[in-house]
Amino acid sequence: MNSVKGAINHIRWDEKTCKVQIETIYNGHPQGLCASGMIDFLYLLRSTGLLAAEGRILNTKEAKKHVHRLTLAKLKNTFGYDCLSDDDLGNGIFTIHKNPDIYMTTKDCQNLLKAIAAVKTGIEILLSEQKIDIADLNHFIIAGGLGEHIDSKHAVSIGMFPEHIDEKLLCAGNTSLKGAISALCDSEVFSVINNISQSVDYLELANHSDFADTYIKHLKYK
């Protein structure tokens, strides 16, 4: 869902105690997951060992075999209910909140992993086109609603962003709105923005010769 009141934007996970803390935009009653909340959710599933290599959530039988029983017990104690259940295809469903039920399915995870692969592909191709290495960047700026709420360490951990980039990462929030306000209030800023717009090169990733191979490479979730 969009970054509106009640959207879960952060899921805090303590690996030692298995305590889970949910935060929502404007402290509203949880209504669903926005993008940053889904990233945190994926990090939670991976950290608990409930996410298989192909992006599938383990079902209850598999979880009892592959996930430490204390982890499962602590999760149940934290939520007050069995957060893991099974769907009709034999995959797991993890419910993070009741009333309303907010959960992630294997399909949700795999769709998110496809989006992550697209982001990684875009980063790799842009760097390749400019003939620079990720280490050469001074800053790595994330804008938009995602940039307002994202946990950079979680994003790096699940493979969305390159390793060791979090110390360079800047979450800038809604830069289009901030830029528009600045341009209206300052003629010099307007001039700078206008000059930038005249020098921007547009790269159509989907039509790039390396897109398909690079995207498929990043679809392999570890």
C-alpha atoms as a PDB file:
ATOM      1  CA  MET A   1       0.000   0.000   0.000  1.00  0.00           C
ATOM      2  CA  ASN A   2       1.017   3.645  -0.286  1.00  0.00           C
ATOM      3  CA  SER A   3       2.800   5.519   2.490  1.00  0.00           C
ATOM      4  CA  VAL A   4      -0.394   6.655   4.200  1.00  0.00           C
ATOM      5  CA  LYS A   5      -1.606   6.663   7.791  1.00  0.00           C
ATOM      6  CA  GLY A   6      -1.664   3.149   9.188  1.00  0.00           C
ATOM      7  CA  ALA A   7       0.835   1.696   6.707  1.00  0.00           C
ATOM      8  CA  ILE A   8       3.472  -0.404   8.465  1.00  0.00           C
ATOM      9  CA  ASN A   9       6.750   1.303   7.584  1.00  0.00           C
ATOM     10  CA  HIS A  10       9.089  -0.358  10.094  1.00  0.00           C
ATOM     11  CA  ILE A  11       9.353  -3.805  11.636  1.00  0.00           C
ATOM     12  CA  ARG A  12      11.972  -3.914  14.388  1.00  0.00           C
ATOM     13  CA  TRP A  13      13.346  -7.382  15.036  1.00  0.00           C
ATOM     14  CA  ASP A  14      15.549  -8.422  17.981  1.00  0.00           C
ATOM     15  CA  GLU A  15      17.351 -11.616  17.019  1.00  0.00           C
ATOM     16  CA  LYS A  16      18.187 -12.545  20.629  1.00  0.00           C
ATOM     17  CA  THR A  17      14.717 -12.198  22.136  1.00  0.00           C
ATOM     18  CA  CYS A  18      12.674 -12.577  18.908  1.00  0.00           C
ATOM     19  CA  LYS A  19      10.740  -9.482  19.966  1.00  0.00           C
ATOM     20  CA  VAL A  20       9.036  -7.731  17.081  1.00  0.00           C
ATOM     21  CA  GLN A  21       7.994  -4.087  17.154  1.00  0.00           C
ATOM     22  CA  ILE A  22       5.727  -2.646  14.481  1.00  0.00           C
ATOM     23  CA  GLU A  23       5.716   1.047  13.575  1.00  0.00           C
ATOM     24  CA  THR A  24       3.140   2.723  11.350  1.00  0.00           C
ATOM     25  CA  ILE A  25       2.967   6.040   9.527  1.00  0.00           C
ATOM     26  CA  TYR A  26       1.427   8.718  11.769  1.00  0.00           C
ATOM     27  CA  ASN A  27       1.043   6.008  14.440  1.00  0.00           C
ATOM     28  CA  GLY A  28      -2.201   4.867  12.835  1.00  0.00           C
ATOM     29  CA  HIS A  29      -3.792   1.470  13.441  1.00  0.00           C
ATOM     30  CA  PRO A  30      -2.008  -1.019  11.133  1.00  0.00           C
ATOM     31  CA  GLN A  31      -3.768  -1.316   7.778  1.00  0.00           C
ATOM     32  CA  GLY A  32      -1.135  -2.884   5.527  1.00  0.00           C
ATOM     33  CA  LEU A  33       2.483  -2.745   4.404  1.00  0.00           C
ATOM     34  CA  CYS A  34       4.221   0.009   2.472  1.00  0.00           C
ATOM     35  CA  ALA A  35       7.490  -0.672   0.620  1.00  0.00           C
ATOM     36  CA  SER A  36       9.848  -0.073   3.559  1.00  0.00           C
ATOM     37  CA  GLY A  37       7.667  -2.304   5.741  1.00  0.00           C
ATOM     38  CA  MET A  38       7.873  -5.088   3.155  1.00  0.00           C
ATOM     39  CA  ILE A  39      11.667  -4.788   3.090  1.00  0.00           C
ATOM     40  CA  ASP A  40      11.763  -5.090   6.886  1.00  0.00           C
ATOM     41  CA  PHE A  41       9.338  -8.035   6.675  1.00  0.00           C
ATOM     42  CA  LEU A  42      11.606  -9.834   4.201  1.00  0.00           C
ATOM     43  CA  TYR A  43      14.563  -9.166   6.498  1.00  0.00           C
ATOM     44  CA  LEU A  44      12.592 -10.684   9.395  1.00  0.00           C
ATOM     45  CA  LEU A  45      11.753 -13.809   7.411  1.00  0.00           C
ATOM     46  CA  ARG A  46      15.353 -14.223   6.327  1.00  0.00           C
ATOM     47  CA  SER A  47      16.731 -13.622   9.827  1.00  0.00           C
ATOM     48  CA  THR A  48      14.449 -16.217  11.370  1.00  0.00           C
ATOM     49  CA  GLY A  49      15.359 -18.799   8.733  1.00  0.00           C
ATOM     50  CA  LEU A  50      11.796 -18.956   7.439  1.00  0.00           C
ATOM     51  CA  LEU A  51      12.719 -17.812   3.924  1.00  0.00           C
ATOM     52  CA  ALA A  52      14.062 -20.492   1.602  1.00  0.00           C
ATOM     53  CA  ALA A  53      16.676 -19.805  -1.067  1.00  0.00           C
ATOM     54  CA  GLU A  54      14.102 -19.545  -3.863  1.00  0.00           C
ATOM     55  CA  GLY A  55      12.157 -16.882  -1.978  1.00  0.00           C
ATOM     56  CA  ARG A  56       9.591 -19.333  -0.622  1.00  0.00           C
ATOM     57  CA  ILE A  57       8.286 -19.121   2.945  1.00  0.00           C
ATOM     58  CA  LEU A  58       8.701 -22.441   4.753  1.00  0.00           C
ATOM     59  CA  ASN A  59       5.488 -24.188   5.721  1.00  0.00           C
ATOM     60  CA  THR A  60       4.820 -25.229   9.315  1.00  0.00           C
ATOM     61  CA  LYS A  61       6.259 -28.740   8.876  1.00  0.00           C
ATOM     62  CA  GLU A  62       9.443 -27.453   7.215  1.00  0.00           C
ATOM     63  CA  ALA A  63       9.842 -24.725   9.839  1.00  0.00           C
ATOM     64  CA  LYS A  64       9.794 -27.294  12.657  1.00  0.00           C
ATOM     65  CA  LYS A  65      12.571 -29.160  10.845  1.00  0.00           C
ATOM     66  CA  HIS A  66      14.803 -26.255   9.769  1.00  0.00           C
ATOM     67  CA  VAL A  67      14.143 -23.402  12.231  1.00  0.00           C
ATOM     68  CA  HIS A  68      15.246 -23.553  15.857  1.00  0.00           C
ATOM     69  CA  ARG A  69      12.285 -24.507  18.047  1.00  0.00           C
ATOM     70  CA  LEU A  70      13.090 -21.683  20.488  1.00  0.00           C
ATOM     71  CA  THR A  71      12.808 -19.171  17.662  1.00  0.00           C
ATOM     72  CA  LEU A  72       9.347 -20.460  16.767  1.00  0.00           C
ATOM     73  CA  ALA A  73       8.299 -20.525  20.421  1.00  0.00           C
ATOM     74  CA  LYS A  74       9.535 -16.976  21.017  1.00  0.00           C
ATOM     75  CA  LEU A  75       7.748 -15.719  17.897  1.00  0.00           C
ATOM     76  CA  LYS A  76       4.498 -17.282  19.083  1.00  0.00           C
ATOM     77  CA  ASN A  77       5.004 -15.728  22.508  1.00  0.00           C
ATOM     78  CA  THR A  78       5.720 -12.325  20.964  1.00  0.00           C
ATOM     79  CA  PHE A  79       2.639 -12.263  18.754  1.00  0.00           C
ATOM     80  CA  GLY A  80       0.323 -14.220  21.013  1.00  0.00           C
ATOM     81  CA  TYR A  81      -0.733 -16.470  18.141  1.00  0.00           C
ATOM     82  CA  ASP A  82       0.757 -18.879  15.588  1.00  0.00           C
ATOM     83  CA  CYS A  83       2.183 -16.410  13.083  1.00  0.00           C
ATOM     84  CA  LEU A  84       3.077 -19.158  10.596  1.00  0.00           C
ATOM     85  CA  SER A  85       0.384 -21.049   8.698  1.00  0.00           C
ATOM     86  CA  ASP A  86       0.132 -22.946   5.397  1.00  0.00           C
ATOM     87  CA  ASP A  87      -1.521 -22.082   2.102  1.00  0.00           C
ATOM     88  CA  ASP A  88      -3.180 -24.540  -0.314  1.00  0.00           C
ATOM     89  CA  LEU A  89       0.080 -25.012  -2.248  1.00  0.00           C
ATOM     90  CA  GLY A  90       2.144 -26.107   0.741  1.00  0.00           C
ATOM     91  CA  ASN A  91       3.920 -22.794   1.249  1.00  0.00           C
ATOM     92  CA  GLY A  92       4.042 -20.797   4.447  1.00  0.00           C
ATOM     93  CA  ILE A  93       2.121 -17.625   5.276  1.00  0.00           C
ATOM     94  CA  PHE A  94       3.526 -15.322   7.955  1.00  0.00           C
ATOM     95  CA  THR A  95       0.996 -13.088   9.696  1.00  0.00           C
ATOM     96  CA  ILE A  96       2.519  -9.995  11.292  1.00  0.00           C
ATOM     97  CA  HIS A  97      -0.739  -8.501  12.605  1.00  0.00           C
ATOM     98  CA  LYS A  98      -4.277  -9.581  13.424  1.00  0.00           C
ATOM     99  CA  ASN A  99      -7.469  -7.535  13.005  1.00  0.00           C
ATOM    100  CA  PRO A 100      -6.943  -6.749  10.231  1.00  0.00           C
ATOM    101  CA  ASP A 101      -4.813  -9.681   9.116  1.00  0.00           C
ATOM    102  CA  ILE A 102      -1.568  -8.412   7.609  1.00  0.00           C
ATOM    103  CA  TYR A 103       0.682 -11.092   6.203  1.00  0.00           C
ATOM    104  CA  MET A 104       3.158 -12.065   3.501  1.00  0.00           C
ATOM    105  CA  THR A 105       2.853 -15.051   1.210  1.00  0.00           C
ATOM    106  CA  THR A 106       5.440 -16.747  -0.941  1.00  0.00           C
ATOM    107  CA  LYS A 107       4.050 -14.908  -3.971  1.00  0.00           C
ATOM    108  CA  ASP A 108       4.488 -11.586  -2.125  1.00  0.00           C
ATOM    109  CA  CYS A 109       8.098 -12.458  -1.302  1.00  0.00           C
ATOM    110  CA  GLN A 110       8.910 -13.551  -4.834  1.00  0.00           C
ATOM    111  CA  ASN A 111       7.342 -10.423  -6.336  1.00  0.00           C
ATOM    112  CA  LEU A 112       9.385  -8.303  -3.933  1.00  0.00           C
ATOM    113  CA  LEU A 113      12.536 -10.212  -4.882  1.00  0.00           C
ATOM    114  CA  LYS A 114      11.798  -9.511  -8.555  1.00  0.00           C
ATOM    115  CA  ALA A 115      11.554  -5.799  -7.750  1.00  0.00           C
ATOM    116  CA  ILE A 116      14.820  -5.986  -5.808  1.00  0.00           C
ATOM    117  CA  ALA A 117      16.484  -7.692  -8.785  1.00  0.00           C
ATOM    118  CA  ALA A 118      15.288  -4.856 -11.032  1.00  0.00           C
ATOM    119  CA  VAL A 119      16.757  -2.259  -8.658  1.00  0.00           C
ATOM    120  CA  LYS A 120      20.098  -4.077  -8.538  1.00  0.00           C
ATOM    121  CA  THR A 121      20.076  -4.393 -12.325  1.00  0.00           C
ATOM    122  CA  GLY A 122      19.463  -0.671 -12.732  1.00  0.00           C
ATOM    123  CA  ILE A 123      22.321   0.185 -10.361  1.00  0.00           C
ATOM    124  CA  GLU A 124      24.743  -2.171 -12.097  1.00  0.00           C
ATOM    125  CA  ILE A 125      23.921  -0.960 -15.611  1.00  0.00           C
ATOM    126  CA  LEU A 126      24.061   2.732 -14.654  1.00  0.00           C
ATOM    127  CA  LEU A 127      27.485   2.254 -13.090  1.00  0.00           C
ATOM    128  CA  SER A 128      28.644   0.288 -16.124  1.00  0.00           C
ATOM    129  CA  GLU A 129      27.431   2.985 -18.521  1.00  0.00           C
ATOM    130  CA  GLN A 130      29.378   5.627 -16.588  1.00  0.00           C
ATOM    131  CA  LYS A 131      32.388   3.285 -16.256  1.00  0.00           C
ATOM    132  CA  ILE A 132      32.633   3.761 -12.504  1.00  0.00           C
ATOM    133  CA  ASP A 133      32.713   1.403  -9.533  1.00  0.00           C
ATOM    134  CA  ILE A 134      30.325   1.506  -6.611  1.00  0.00           C
ATOM    135  CA  ALA A 135      33.299   2.376  -4.391  1.00  0.00           C
ATOM    136  CA  ASP A 136      33.812   5.596  -6.403  1.00  0.00           C
ATOM    137  CA  LEU A 137      30.463   7.047  -5.308  1.00  0.00           C
ATOM    138  CA  ASN A 138      30.494   9.784  -2.685  1.00  0.00           C
ATOM    139  CA  HIS A 139      26.797   9.432  -1.919  1.00  0.00           C
ATOM    140  CA  PHE A 140      24.016   6.951  -2.627  1.00  0.00           C
ATOM    141  CA  ILE A 141      20.737   8.873  -2.413  1.00  0.00           C
ATOM    142  CA  ILE A 142      17.319   7.266  -2.016  1.00  0.00           C
ATOM    143  CA  ALA A 143      14.360   9.551  -2.717  1.00  0.00           C
ATOM    144  CA  GLY A 144      10.583   9.270  -2.633  1.00  0.00           C
ATOM    145  CA  GLY A 145       8.408   7.618  -0.003  1.00  0.00           C
ATOM    146  CA  LEU A 146      10.821   4.698   0.173  1.00  0.00           C
ATOM    147  CA  GLY A 147      13.679   7.071   0.917  1.00  0.00           C
ATOM    148  CA  GLU A 148      11.643   8.569   3.742  1.00  0.00           C
ATOM    149  CA  HIS A 149      11.268   5.333   5.691  1.00  0.00           C
ATOM    150  CA  ILE A 150      13.692   2.663   4.448  1.00  0.00           C
ATOM    151  CA  ASP A 151      16.067   0.901   6.844  1.00  0.00           C
ATOM    152  CA  SER A 152      19.274   0.922   4.823  1.00  0.00           C
ATOM    153  CA  LYS A 153      20.894  -1.923   6.780  1.00  0.00           C
ATOM    154  CA  HIS A 154      17.913  -4.162   6.118  1.00  0.00           C
ATOM    155  CA  ALA A 155      17.945  -3.196   2.431  1.00  0.00           C
ATOM    156  CA  VAL A 156      21.627  -4.090   2.154  1.00  0.00           C
ATOM    157  CA  SER A 157      21.126  -7.311   4.117  1.00  0.00           C
ATOM    158  CA  ILE A 158      18.419  -8.644   1.765  1.00  0.00           C
ATOM    159  CA  GLY A 159      20.539  -7.694  -1.247  1.00  0.00           C
ATOM    160  CA  MET A 160      18.594  -4.691  -2.506  1.00  0.00           C
ATOM    161  CA  PHE A 161      21.637  -2.420  -2.384  1.00  0.00           C
ATOM    162  CA  PRO A 162      25.345  -3.257  -2.761  1.00  0.00           C
ATOM    163  CA  GLU A 163      27.287  -4.266   0.329  1.00  0.00           C
ATOM    164  CA  HIS A 164      29.127  -1.554   2.265  1.00  0.00           C
ATOM    165  CA  ILE A 165      26.980   1.171   0.663  1.00  0.00           C
ATOM    166  CA  ASP A 166      24.994   1.951   3.816  1.00  0.00           C
ATOM    167  CA  GLU A 167      27.647   4.361   5.143  1.00  0.00           C
ATOM    168  CA  LYS A 168      27.232   6.399   1.932  1.00  0.00           C
ATOM    169  CA  LEU A 169      23.461   6.115   1.754  1.00  0.00           C
ATOM    170  CA  LEU A 170      21.357   9.240   2.235  1.00  0.00           C
ATOM    171  CA  CYS A 171      17.583   8.987   2.642  1.00  0.00           C
ATOM    172  CA  ALA A 172      16.312  12.199   1.070  1.00  0.00           C
ATOM    173  CA  GLY A 173      12.541  11.669   1.171  1.00  0.00           C
ATOM    174  CA  ASN A 174      10.270  13.522  -1.257  1.00  0.00           C
ATOM    175  CA  THR A 175      12.911  15.368  -3.284  1.00  0.00           C
ATOM    176  CA  SER A 176      10.495  16.376  -6.058  1.00  0.00           C
ATOM    177  CA  LEU A 177       8.317  18.301  -3.601  1.00  0.00           C
ATOM    178  CA  LYS A 178      11.319  19.764  -1.793  1.00  0.00           C
ATOM    179  CA  GLY A 179      12.865  20.756  -5.122  1.00  0.00           C
ATOM    180  CA  ALA A 180       9.669  22.395  -6.337  1.00  0.00           C
ATOM    181  CA  ILE A 181       9.349  24.435  -3.140  1.00  0.00           C
ATOM    182  CA  SER A 182      13.021  25.449  -3.260  1.00  0.00           C
ATOM    183  CA  ALA A 183      12.733  26.458  -6.930  1.00  0.00           C
ATOM    184  CA  LEU A 184       9.694  28.613  -6.226  1.00  0.00           C
ATOM    185  CA  CYS A 185      11.371  30.321  -3.285  1.00  0.00           C
ATOM    186  CA  ASP A 186      14.849  30.819  -4.739  1.00  0.00           C
ATOM    187  CA  SER A 187      15.606  31.885  -8.321  1.00  0.00           C
ATOM    188  CA  GLU A 188      19.163  30.549  -8.082  1.00  0.00           C
ATOM    189  CA  VAL A 189      17.867  27.112  -7.184  1.00  0.00           C
ATOM    190  CA  PHE A 190      15.431  27.308 -10.102  1.00  0.00           C
ATOM    191  CA  SER A 191      18.348  28.080 -12.418  1.00  0.00           C
ATOM    192  CA  VAL A 192      20.384  25.143 -11.095  1.00  0.00           C
ATOM    193  CA  ILE A 193      17.449  22.740 -11.493  1.00  0.00           C
ATOM    194  CA  ASN A 194      16.798  24.035 -15.018  1.00  0.00           C
ATOM    195  CA  ASN A 195      20.449  23.502 -15.995  1.00  0.00           C
ATOM    196  CA  ILE A 196      20.381  19.969 -14.595  1.00  0.00           C
ATOM    197  CA  SER A 197      17.224  19.159 -16.557  1.00  0.00           C
ATOM    198  CA  GLN A 198      18.944  20.221 -19.764  1.00  0.00           C
ATOM    199  CA  SER A 199      21.922  17.934 -19.203  1.00  0.00           C
ATOM    200  CA  VAL A 200      20.184  14.743 -18.059  1.00  0.00           C
ATOM    201  CA  ASP A 201      20.618  11.620 -20.184  1.00  0.00           C
ATOM    202  CA  TYR A 202      17.753   9.120 -20.277  1.00  0.00           C
ATOM    203  CA  LEU A 203      18.636   5.422 -20.178  1.00  0.00           C
ATOM    204  CA  GLU A 204      15.890   2.938 -21.095  1.00  0.00           C
ATOM    205  CA  LEU A 205      16.900  -0.068 -19.001  1.00  0.00           C
ATOM    206  CA  ALA A 206      14.408  -2.516 -20.503  1.00  0.00           C
ATOM    207  CA  ASN A 207      15.924  -1.958 -23.955  1.00  0.00           C
ATOM    208  CA  HIS A 208      19.537  -2.157 -22.789  1.00  0.00           C
ATOM    209  CA  SER A 209      21.494  -5.056 -24.286  1.00  0.00           C
ATOM    210  CA  ASP A 210      22.671  -6.255 -20.863  1.00  0.00           C
ATOM    211  CA  PHE A 211      19.330  -5.920 -19.071  1.00  0.00           C
ATOM    212  CA  ALA A 212      17.959  -9.455 -19.477  1.00  0.00           C
ATOM    213  CA  ASP A 213      21.158 -11.270 -18.470  1.00  0.00           C
ATOM    214  CA  THR A 214      21.838  -8.916 -15.561  1.00  0.00           C
ATOM    215  CA  TYR A 215      18.255  -9.157 -14.308  1.00  0.00           C
ATOM    216  CA  ILE A 216      18.252 -12.949 -14.430  1.00  0.00           C
ATOM    217  CA  LYS A 217      21.569 -12.998 -12.564  1.00  0.00           C
ATOM    218  CA  HIS A 218      20.096 -10.925  -9.747  1.00  0.00           C
ATOM    219  CA  LEU A 219      16.957 -13.043  -9.525  1.00  0.00           C
ATOM    220  CA  LYS A 220      19.011 -15.704  -7.795  1.00  0.00           C
ATOM    221  CA  TYR A 221      18.278 -15.076  -4.141  1.00  0.00           C
ATOM    222  CA  LYS A 222      20.913 -16.262  -1.673  1.00  0.00           C
END
